[in-house]
C-alpha atoms as a PDB file:
ATOM      1  CA  MET A   1       0.307  -0.685  -0.297  1.00  0.00           C
ATOM      2  CA  GLU A   2       1.289   2.981  -0.579  1.00  0.00           C
ATOM      3  CA  PHE A   3       0.519   6.321   1.332  1.00  0.00           C
ATOM      4  CA  GLY A   4       0.924   9.445   0.598  1.00  0.00           C
ATOM      5  CA  CYS A   5       2.774  13.152   2.692  1.00  0.00           C
ATOM      6  CA  GLU A   6      -0.619  13.746   4.781  1.00  0.00           C
ATOM      7  CA  GLN A   7      -0.347   9.835   6.166  1.00  0.00           C
ATOM      8  CA  VAL A   8       1.104   8.525   9.691  1.00  0.00           C
ATOM      9  CA  VAL A   9       1.378   6.502  11.458  1.00  0.00           C
ATOM     10  CA  ILE A  10       1.944   6.900  15.356  1.00  0.00           C
ATOM     11  CA  VAL A  11       4.162   5.010  17.537  1.00  0.00           C
ATOM     12  CA  ARG A  12       4.796   5.382  21.111  1.00  0.00           C
ATOM     13  CA  SER A  13       8.682   5.022  20.966  1.00  0.00           C
ATOM     14  CA  GLN A  14      11.934   4.410  18.704  1.00  0.00           C
ATOM     15  CA  GLU A  15      11.142   0.975  19.551  1.00  0.00           C
ATOM     16  CA  SER A  16       7.938   0.785  18.533  1.00  0.00           C
ATOM     17  CA  LYS A  17       9.434   1.594  14.924  1.00  0.00           C
ATOM     18  CA  LYS A  18      10.458  -1.136  15.157  1.00  0.00           C
ATOM     19  CA  THR A  19       7.514  -3.493  15.375  1.00  0.00           C
ATOM     20  CA  VAL A  20       5.106  -1.364  13.186  1.00  0.00           C
ATOM     21  CA  PRO A  21       2.652  -4.213  11.201  1.00  0.00           C
ATOM     22  CA  ALA A  22       5.314  -4.288   7.507  1.00  0.00           C
ATOM     23  CA  PHE A  23       1.685  -2.799   5.421  1.00  0.00           C
ATOM     24  CA  LEU A  24       2.534   0.536   7.582  1.00  0.00           C
ATOM     25  CA  LYS A  25       6.333   0.409   7.172  1.00  0.00           C
ATOM     26  CA  TYR A  26       5.398   2.364   3.657  1.00  0.00           C
ATOM     27  CA  ALA A  27       4.203   5.681   5.447  1.00  0.00           C
ATOM     28  CA  LEU A  28       5.655   7.527   7.105  1.00  0.00           C
ATOM     29  CA  VAL A  29       6.153   7.143  10.946  1.00  0.00           C
ATOM     30  CA  LEU A  30       7.002   8.956  13.789  1.00  0.00           C
ATOM     31  CA  THR A  31       6.819   8.055  17.619  1.00  0.00           C
ATOM     32  CA  ILE A  32       4.266  10.382  19.831  1.00  0.00           C
ATOM     33  CA  TYR A  33       7.071  12.898  20.650  1.00  0.00           C
ATOM     34  CA  GLU A  34       8.372  13.706  17.441  1.00  0.00           C
ATOM     35  CA  CYS A  35       4.434  14.507  15.661  1.00  0.00           C
ATOM     36  CA  LYS A  36       4.371  17.115  19.292  1.00  0.00           C
ATOM     37  CA  GLY A  37       2.895  20.535  17.751  1.00  0.00           C
ATOM     38  CA  LEU A  38       2.879  18.786  13.587  1.00  0.00           C
ATOM     39  CA  GLU A  39      -0.407  17.797  12.138  1.00  0.00           C
ATOM     40  CA  PHE A  40      -2.055  15.784   9.348  1.00  0.00           C
ATOM     41  CA  ASN A  41      -4.591  14.958   6.940  1.00  0.00           C
ATOM     42  CA  ASP A  42      -5.156  11.296   8.115  1.00  0.00           C
ATOM     43  CA  VAL A  43      -2.921   9.205  11.213  1.00  0.00           C
ATOM     44  CA  ILE A  44      -2.909   5.763  11.722  1.00  0.00           C
ATOM     45  CA  VAL A  45      -2.434   5.361  16.009  1.00  0.00           C
ATOM     46  CA  CYS A  46      -0.463   2.059  15.708  1.00  0.00           C
ATOM     47  CA  ASN A  47      -0.568  -0.772  18.891  1.00  0.00           C
ATOM     48  CA  PHE A  48      -0.461   2.218  21.142  1.00  0.00           C
ATOM     49  CA  PHE A  49      -2.480   0.064  24.045  1.00  0.00           C
ATOM     50  CA  ALA A  50      -1.215  -3.386  22.940  1.00  0.00           C
ATOM     51  CA  GLU A  51       2.038  -1.195  24.461  1.00  0.00           C
ATOM     52  CA  SER A  52       0.760  -0.142  28.026  1.00  0.00           C
ATOM     53  CA  THR A  53       1.133  -1.571  30.641  1.00  0.00           C
ATOM     54  CA  ALA A  54      -1.049   1.078  32.413  1.00  0.00           C
ATOM     55  CA  ASN A  55      -4.895  -0.478  33.767  1.00  0.00           C
ATOM     56  CA  TRP A  56      -7.370   0.621  31.184  1.00  0.00           C
ATOM     57  CA  SER A  57     -10.170  -1.007  33.068  1.00  0.00           C
ATOM     58  CA  LEU A  58      -9.445   1.779  35.810  1.00  0.00           C
ATOM     59  CA  LEU A  59     -11.208   4.572  32.920  1.00  0.00           C
ATOM     60  CA  HIS A  60     -14.263   2.772  35.166  1.00  0.00           C
ATOM     61  CA  TYR A  61     -13.916   4.823  37.518  1.00  0.00           C
ATOM     62  CA  LEU A  62     -12.647   7.943  35.967  1.00  0.00           C
ATOM     63  CA  THR A  63     -16.048   8.434  33.556  1.00  0.00           C
ATOM     64  CA  THR A  64     -19.274   9.564  34.479  1.00  0.00           C
ATOM     65  CA  ARG A  65     -22.706   8.321  32.665  1.00  0.00           C
ATOM     66  CA  SER A  66     -21.418  10.729  30.250  1.00  0.00           C
ATOM     67  CA  GLY A  67     -18.609   9.763  29.336  1.00  0.00           C
ATOM     68  CA  ARG A  68     -16.799  13.267  31.244  1.00  0.00           C
ATOM     69  CA  ILE A  69     -13.502  11.851  32.369  1.00  0.00           C
ATOM     70  CA  GLU A  70     -13.718  13.521  35.470  1.00  0.00           C
ATOM     71  CA  LEU A  71     -13.614  11.864  39.622  1.00  0.00           C
ATOM     72  CA  ASP A  72     -16.560  11.101  40.921  1.00  0.00           C
ATOM     73  CA  GLU A  73     -17.189  11.174  44.957  1.00  0.00           C
ATOM     74  CA  LYS A  74     -20.102   8.064  43.887  1.00  0.00           C
ATOM     75  CA  LYS A  75     -17.559   5.671  43.782  1.00  0.00           C
ATOM     76  CA  LYS A  76     -15.704   7.013  46.377  1.00  0.00           C
ATOM     77  CA  PHE A  77     -12.524   6.119  43.729  1.00  0.00           C
ATOM     78  CA  SER A  78      -9.273   7.079  46.021  1.00  0.00           C
ATOM     79  CA  GLU A  79      -5.316   6.994  45.307  1.00  0.00           C
ATOM     80  CA  LYS A  80      -4.819   4.218  48.087  1.00  0.00           C
ATOM     81  CA  ASN A  81      -6.289   1.817  46.378  1.00  0.00           C
ATOM     82  CA  VAL A  82      -5.855   2.284  42.562  1.00  0.00           C
ATOM     83  CA  MET A  83      -2.681   3.462  41.280  1.00  0.00           C
ATOM     84  CA  TYR A  84      -3.087   5.437  38.032  1.00  0.00           C
ATOM     85  CA  SER A  85      -1.174   8.235  37.868  1.00  0.00           C
ATOM     86  CA  GLU A  86       0.023   5.313  34.723  1.00  0.00           C
ATOM     87  CA  LEU A  87      -3.471   5.573  33.259  1.00  0.00           C
ATOM     88  CA  CYS A  88      -3.995   9.757  33.694  1.00  0.00           C
ATOM     89  CA  SER A  89      -0.242   9.674  31.983  1.00  0.00           C
ATOM     90  CA  ASP A  90      -1.336   7.492  29.018  1.00  0.00           C
ATOM     91  CA  LEU A  91      -4.302   9.703  28.152  1.00  0.00           C
ATOM     92  CA  LYS A  92      -1.768  12.481  28.052  1.00  0.00           C
ATOM     93  CA  LEU A  93       0.008  10.563  24.716  1.00  0.00           C
ATOM     94  CA  LEU A  94      -3.450   9.389  24.602  1.00  0.00           C
ATOM     95  CA  TYR A  95      -5.041  12.968  23.566  1.00  0.00           C
ATOM     96  CA  THR A  96      -1.331  13.611  21.973  1.00  0.00           C
ATOM     97  CA  ALA A  97      -1.685  11.390  19.130  1.00  0.00           C
ATOM     98  CA  VAL A  98      -4.848  11.372  18.241  1.00  0.00           C
ATOM     99  CA  THR A  99      -5.120  15.044  18.016  1.00  0.00           C
ATOM    100  CA  ARG A 100      -2.449  14.711  15.702  1.00  0.00           C
ATOM    101  CA  ALA A 101      -5.810  13.847  13.298  1.00  0.00           C
ATOM    102  CA  LYS A 102      -6.834  17.115  10.727  1.00  0.00           C
ATOM    103  CA  ARG A 103      -9.190  14.214   9.051  1.00  0.00           C
ATOM    104  CA  SER A 104      -9.395  10.650   9.856  1.00  0.00           C
ATOM    105  CA  LEU A 105      -8.380   9.566  12.372  1.00  0.00           C
ATOM    106  CA  ILE A 106      -8.381   4.756  12.767  1.00  0.00           C
ATOM    107  CA  ILE A 107      -6.847   3.753  15.321  1.00  0.00           C
ATOM    108  CA  TYR A 108      -4.836  -0.494  14.761  1.00  0.00           C
ATOM    109  CA  ASP A 109      -4.044  -2.557  17.943  1.00  0.00           C
ATOM    110  CA  SER A 110      -3.584  -5.801  17.986  1.00  0.00           C
ATOM    111  CA  ASP A 111      -4.621  -5.794  22.071  1.00  0.00           C
ATOM    112  CA  GLU A 112      -8.010  -6.586  20.969  1.00  0.00           C
ATOM    113  CA  GLU A 113      -9.295  -6.354  25.070  1.00  0.00           C
ATOM    114  CA  ARG A 114      -7.253  -3.334  25.998  1.00  0.00           C
ATOM    115  CA  ARG A 115      -8.728  -1.121  22.883  1.00  0.00           C
ATOM    116  CA  ASN A 116     -11.858  -2.414  24.014  1.00  0.00           C
ATOM    117  CA  GLU A 117     -11.775  -0.347  26.981  1.00  0.00           C
ATOM    118  CA  ILE A 118     -11.439   3.018  25.444  1.00  0.00           C
ATOM    119  CA  SER A 119     -13.480   2.045  22.412  1.00  0.00           C
ATOM    120  CA  ARG A 120     -16.661   1.587  24.718  1.00  0.00           C
ATOM    121  CA  LEU A 121     -16.291   4.943  25.943  1.00  0.00           C
ATOM    122  CA  TRP A 122     -15.814   6.481  22.346  1.00  0.00           C
ATOM    123  CA  LYS A 123     -19.079   5.046  21.557  1.00  0.00           C
ATOM    124  CA  ARG A 124     -20.879   6.024  24.483  1.00  0.00           C
ATOM    125  CA  LEU A 125     -19.805   9.050  23.149  1.00  0.00           C
ATOM    126  CA  ASP A 126     -20.974   8.554  19.144  1.00  0.00           C
ATOM    127  CA  LEU A 127     -16.581   9.701  18.171  1.00  0.00           C
ATOM    128  CA  VAL A 128     -16.268   5.917  16.873  1.00  0.00           C
ATOM    129  CA  ALA A 129     -16.902   6.455  12.382  1.00  0.00           C
ATOM    130  CA  SER A 130     -16.953   2.266  11.873  1.00  0.00           C
ATOM    131  CA  GLU A 131     -14.951  -0.508  13.367  1.00  0.00           C
ATOM    132  CA  ARG A 132     -13.425  -3.430  10.863  1.00  0.00           C
ATOM    133  CA  ASP A 133     -10.384  -5.138  10.365  1.00  0.00           C
ATOM    134  CA  PHE A 134      -7.605  -2.360   8.722  1.00  0.00           C
ATOM    135  CA  VAL A 135      -6.440  -4.374   5.699  1.00  0.00           C
ATOM    136  CA  ALA A 136      -3.539  -3.619   2.801  1.00  0.00           C
ATOM    137  CA  GLU A 137      -6.496  -2.270   0.376  1.00  0.00           C
ATOM    138  CA  SER A 138      -7.850   0.481   2.448  1.00  0.00           C
ATOM    139  CA  ILE A 139      -9.026   3.634   0.746  1.00  0.00           C
ATOM    140  CA  PHE A 140      -7.163   5.390   3.659  1.00  0.00           C
ATOM    141  CA  ALA A 141      -4.339   5.202   1.227  1.00  0.00           C
ATOM    142  CA  LYS A 142      -3.801   8.505  -1.069  1.00  0.00           C
ATOM    143  CA  LYS A 143      -0.866   9.137  -3.241  1.00  0.00           C
ATOM    144  CA  SER A 144       1.120  12.517  -3.235  1.00  0.00           C
ATOM    145  CA  SER A 145       2.936  13.572  -6.509  1.00  0.00           C
ATOM    146  CA  ALA A 146       7.027  14.751  -5.770  1.00  0.00           C
ATOM    147  CA  GLU A 147       6.498  18.373  -5.270  1.00  0.00           C
ATOM    148  CA  GLU A 148       3.992  17.639  -2.001  1.00  0.00           C
ATOM    149  CA  TRP A 149       6.969  15.016  -0.539  1.00  0.00           C
ATOM    150  CA  ILE A 150       9.389  17.381  -1.010  1.00  0.00           C
ATOM    151  CA  ARG A 151       7.566  20.423   1.217  1.00  0.00           C
ATOM    152  CA  GLN A 152       6.878  17.415   3.686  1.00  0.00           C
ATOM    153  CA  GLY A 153      10.419  17.162   3.535  1.00  0.00           C
ATOM    154  CA  HIS A 154      11.202  20.416   4.561  1.00  0.00           C
ATOM    155  CA  ARG A 155       8.878  20.689   6.818  1.00  0.00           C
ATOM    156  CA  MET A 156      10.299  17.974   8.793  1.00  0.00           C
ATOM    157  CA  LEU A 157      13.410  19.295   8.637  1.00  0.00           C
ATOM    158  CA  SER A 158      13.145  22.564   9.780  1.00  0.00           C
ATOM    159  CA  LYS A 159      11.342  19.762  13.201  1.00  0.00           C
ATOM    160  CA  GLN A 160      15.216  18.559  13.072  1.00  0.00           C
ATOM    161  CA  LEU A 161      13.294  15.127  12.336  1.00  0.00           C
ATOM    162  CA  TYR A 162      15.754  13.767   9.565  1.00  0.00           C
ATOM    163  CA  GLU A 163      14.693   9.723   9.600  1.00  0.00           C
ATOM    164  CA  GLN A 164      11.339  10.965   8.326  1.00  0.00           C
ATOM    165  CA  ALA A 165      12.683  14.028   6.059  1.00  0.00           C
ATOM    166  CA  LEU A 166      14.969  11.769   4.645  1.00  0.00           C
ATOM    167  CA  ASP A 167      12.167   9.279   4.123  1.00  0.00           C
ATOM    168  CA  CYS A 168       9.923  12.567   2.412  1.00  0.00           C
ATOM    169  CA  PHE A 169      13.160  13.419  -0.406  1.00  0.00           C
ATOM    170  CA  SER A 170      13.522   9.911  -0.937  1.00  0.00           C
ATOM    171  CA  LYS A 171      10.063   9.607  -2.524  1.00  0.00           C
ATOM    172  CA  ALA A 172      10.226  12.543  -4.414  1.00  0.00           C
ATOM    173  CA  GLY A 173      13.854  11.370  -5.817  1.00  0.00           C
ATOM    174  CA  ASP A 174      15.755  14.459  -4.413  1.00  0.00           C
ATOM    175  CA  THR A 175      19.064  13.314  -4.113  1.00  0.00           C
ATOM    176  CA  GLU A 176      20.847  16.000  -3.553  1.00  0.00           C
ATOM    177  CA  MET A 177      18.455  16.958  -0.215  1.00  0.00           C
ATOM    178  CA  ALA A 178      18.357  12.941   1.278  1.00  0.00           C
ATOM    179  CA  THR A 179      22.360  13.511   1.256  1.00  0.00           C
ATOM    180  CA  VAL A 180      21.766  16.397   3.184  1.00  0.00           C
ATOM    181  CA  CYS A 181      19.316  14.713   5.653  1.00  0.00           C
ATOM    182  CA  GLN A 182      21.969  11.961   6.104  1.00  0.00           C
ATOM    183  CA  ALA A 183      24.938  14.093   6.305  1.00  0.00           C
ATOM    184  CA  TYR A 184      22.529  16.090  10.087  1.00  0.00           C
ATOM    185  CA  LEU A 185      21.570  11.677  10.946  1.00  0.00           C
ATOM    186  CA  GLU A 186      25.572  11.299  10.833  1.00  0.00           C
ATOM    187  CA  ALA A 187      25.971  13.757  12.409  1.00  0.00           C
ATOM    188  CA  ASP A 188      23.419  13.905  15.372  1.00  0.00           C
ATOM    189  CA  ARG A 189      25.221  10.538  15.725  1.00  0.00           C
ATOM    190  CA  ALA A 190      29.035  11.671  16.391  1.00  0.00           C
ATOM    191  CA  VAL A 191      27.399  14.058  18.975  1.00  0.00           C
ATOM    192  CA  GLU A 192      25.288  10.835  20.293  1.00  0.00           C
ATOM    193  CA  LEU A 193      28.995   9.128  20.528  1.00  0.00           C
ATOM    194  CA  MET A 194      30.623  12.385  22.268  1.00  0.00           C
ATOM    195  CA  LYS A 195      27.202  13.016  25.054  1.00  0.00           C
ATOM    196  CA  THR A 196      28.667   9.544  26.513  1.00  0.00           C
ATOM    197  CA  ILE A 197      32.370   9.611  26.703  1.00  0.00           C
ATOM    198  CA  ASN A 198      31.035  12.985  28.460  1.00  0.00           C
ATOM    199  CA  LYS A 199      28.531  11.784  30.310  1.00  0.00           C
ATOM    200  CA  ASN A 200      30.889   8.366  31.721  1.00  0.00           C
ATOM    201  CA  LYS A 201      33.257  11.198  32.800  1.00  0.00           C
ATOM    202  CA  ILE A 202      31.087  12.626  34.901  1.00  0.00           C
ATOM    203  CA  ALA A 203      30.057   9.806  36.491  1.00  0.00           C
ATOM    204  CA  ALA A 204      34.158   8.761  36.978  1.00  0.00           C
ATOM    205  CA  GLY A 205      34.466  11.915  38.833  1.00  0.00           C
ATOM    206  CA  THR A 206      31.814  11.251  41.820  1.00  0.00           C
ATOM    207  CA  LYS A 207      32.252   9.299  44.559  1.00  0.00           C
ATOM    208  CA  ALA A 208      29.037   7.230  44.869  1.00  0.00           C
ATOM    209  CA  SER A 209      29.496   6.300  40.936  1.00  0.00           C
ATOM    210  CA  ASN A 210      29.373   2.006  39.879  1.00  0.00           C
ATOM    211  CA  LYS A 211      33.145   1.639  38.483  1.00  0.00           C
ATOM    212  CA  LYS A 212      31.356  -1.255  36.793  1.00  0.00           C
ATOM    213  CA  LEU A 213      28.924   0.843  35.101  1.00  0.00           C
ATOM    214  CA  LEU A 214      31.354   2.935  33.698  1.00  0.00           C
ATOM    215  CA  LEU A 215      33.591   2.092  29.970  1.00  0.00           C
ATOM    216  CA  SER A 216      36.807   1.249  29.982  1.00  0.00           C
ATOM    217  CA  LYS A 217      39.528   3.763  28.037  1.00  0.00           C
ATOM    218  CA  LYS A 218      39.686   1.048  25.268  1.00  0.00           C
ATOM    219  CA  ALA A 219      35.192   1.663  24.714  1.00  0.00           C
ATOM    220  CA  ILE A 220      36.542   5.382  25.524  1.00  0.00           C
ATOM    221  CA  LYS A 221      38.872   5.011  22.690  1.00  0.00           C
ATOM    222  CA  GLU A 222      36.949   3.589  20.621  1.00  0.00           C
ATOM    223  CA  MET A 223      34.303   5.423  20.926  1.00  0.00           C
ATOM    224  CA  LYS A 224      36.634   9.303  19.874  1.00  0.00           C
ATOM    225  CA  VAL A 225      37.374   7.340  17.034  1.00  0.00           C
ATOM    226  CA  ASP A 226      34.124   6.565  15.586  1.00  0.00           C
ATOM    227  CA  SER A 227      32.883  10.282  16.704  1.00  0.00           C
ATOM    228  CA  SER A 228      35.467  11.386  14.616  1.00  0.00           C
ATOM    229  CA  ARG A 229      34.811   9.232  11.748  1.00  0.00           C
ATOM    230  CA  THR A 230      31.374   9.528  12.053  1.00  0.00           C
ATOM    231  CA  PHE A 231      31.633  13.247  12.215  1.00  0.00           C
ATOM    232  CA  ILE A 232      33.859  13.590   9.042  1.00  0.00           C
ATOM    233  CA  THR A 233      31.509  11.080   7.011  1.00  0.00           C
ATOM    234  CA  ALA A 234      28.731  13.829   7.910  1.00  0.00           C
ATOM    235  CA  GLY A 235      30.933  16.700   7.278  1.00  0.00           C
ATOM    236  CA  GLN A 236      31.844  14.953   3.449  1.00  0.00           C
ATOM    237  CA  LYS A 237      27.892  14.699   2.718  1.00  0.00           C
ATOM    238  CA  PHE A 238      27.172  18.011   3.168  1.00  0.00           C
ATOM    239  CA  ALA A 239      30.010  19.208   1.571  1.00  0.00           C
ATOM    240  CA  SER A 240      28.697  17.428  -1.691  1.00  0.00           C
ATOM    241  CA  ALA A 241      25.126  18.589  -1.474  1.00  0.00           C
ATOM    242  CA  ASN A 242      26.858  22.047  -0.803  1.00  0.00           C
ATOM    243  CA  ARG A 243      26.454  22.640   2.495  1.00  0.00           C
ATOM    244  CA  LEU A 244      29.265  24.165   3.128  1.00  0.00           C
ATOM    245  CA  LYS A 245      29.348  25.769   7.035  1.00  0.00           C
ATOM    246  CA  GLU A 246      27.305  22.486   8.243  1.00  0.00           C
ATOM    247  CA  ALA A 247      30.524  20.275   6.752  1.00  0.00           C
ATOM    248  CA  ALA A 248      32.930  22.873   7.729  1.00  0.00           C
ATOM    249  CA  ARG A 249      31.213  22.800  11.611  1.00  0.00           C
ATOM    250  CA  CYS A 250      31.726  18.756  11.393  1.00  0.00           C
ATOM    251  CA  PHE A 251      34.826  18.641   9.747  1.00  0.00           C
ATOM    252  CA  PHE A 252      35.916  21.097  13.128  1.00  0.00           C
ATOM    253  CA  SER A 253      34.649  18.507  15.228  1.00  0.00           C
ATOM    254  CA  ALA A 254      36.442  15.673  14.061  1.00  0.00           C
ATOM    255  CA  LYS A 255      39.390  17.675  14.645  1.00  0.00           C
ATOM    256  CA  ASP A 256      40.008  18.283  10.817  1.00  0.00           C
ATOM    257  CA  TYR A 257      41.139  21.624  10.914  1.00  0.00           C
ATOM    258  CA  SER A 258      42.463  21.446   7.886  1.00  0.00           C
ATOM    259  CA  GLY A 259      39.739  19.720   6.144  1.00  0.00           C
ATOM    260  CA  ALA A 260      37.817  22.578   7.228  1.00  0.00           C
ATOM    261  CA  LEU A 261      39.796  24.830   6.802  1.00  0.00           C
ATOM    262  CA  ALA A 262      39.104  23.348   2.444  1.00  0.00           C
ATOM    263  CA  LEU A 263      36.292  25.160   3.043  1.00  0.00           C
ATOM    264  CA  PHE A 264      36.599  28.433   3.334  1.00  0.00           C
END
């Protein structure tokens, strides 16, 4: 199934992206955190309930007959005998996910039991248009033009969503911008390696640090080398796309000062 640039899959975490069903992987996939502040025509919230550890049956204690979520004094809802904080946290995440949709929303979830708890509430509020199996031949899918993919790519790039921007530019056939996104991804990976090294230094300097959890000198040396190589790879990609300032910063971070100077 070919999805358009205004049709996205939203998952709970980066780890969740690895378990997205095969037929949904052709769509843009974002985490709840990544999609904050963004809106799309059509949204598929994937396995939100299946990956939740909250007790969704507690909705019974939080909802009135009207379906509004509020504490009902008659039910003597007590924090002491019912742990609802996790549910409240998940409700906030769910709110963020479902409000990304401007036109249509699909809840695709493998855990029918947990999904049904919220489904019953939404049905009571007359919010469910239909309930059926979501298959590959869904009329939901809508193709986008290369120009639309490019616009969406720049939108993702402005939000520093490099993985999604790369997907957009690749589908549009814009190899230069795809290279820029690859460069940003490499630079991000190098930065994360340096952050890990710095955190290890800080931990090593504290009295309460667990020495067993600290990185060995060999591991730190290998990470520094890996970080430098990754910065250089990012710099080369930026340079090939004529992004000279970004390229110079990467070479400088890799302590390749002659490489950085050569760009000016």
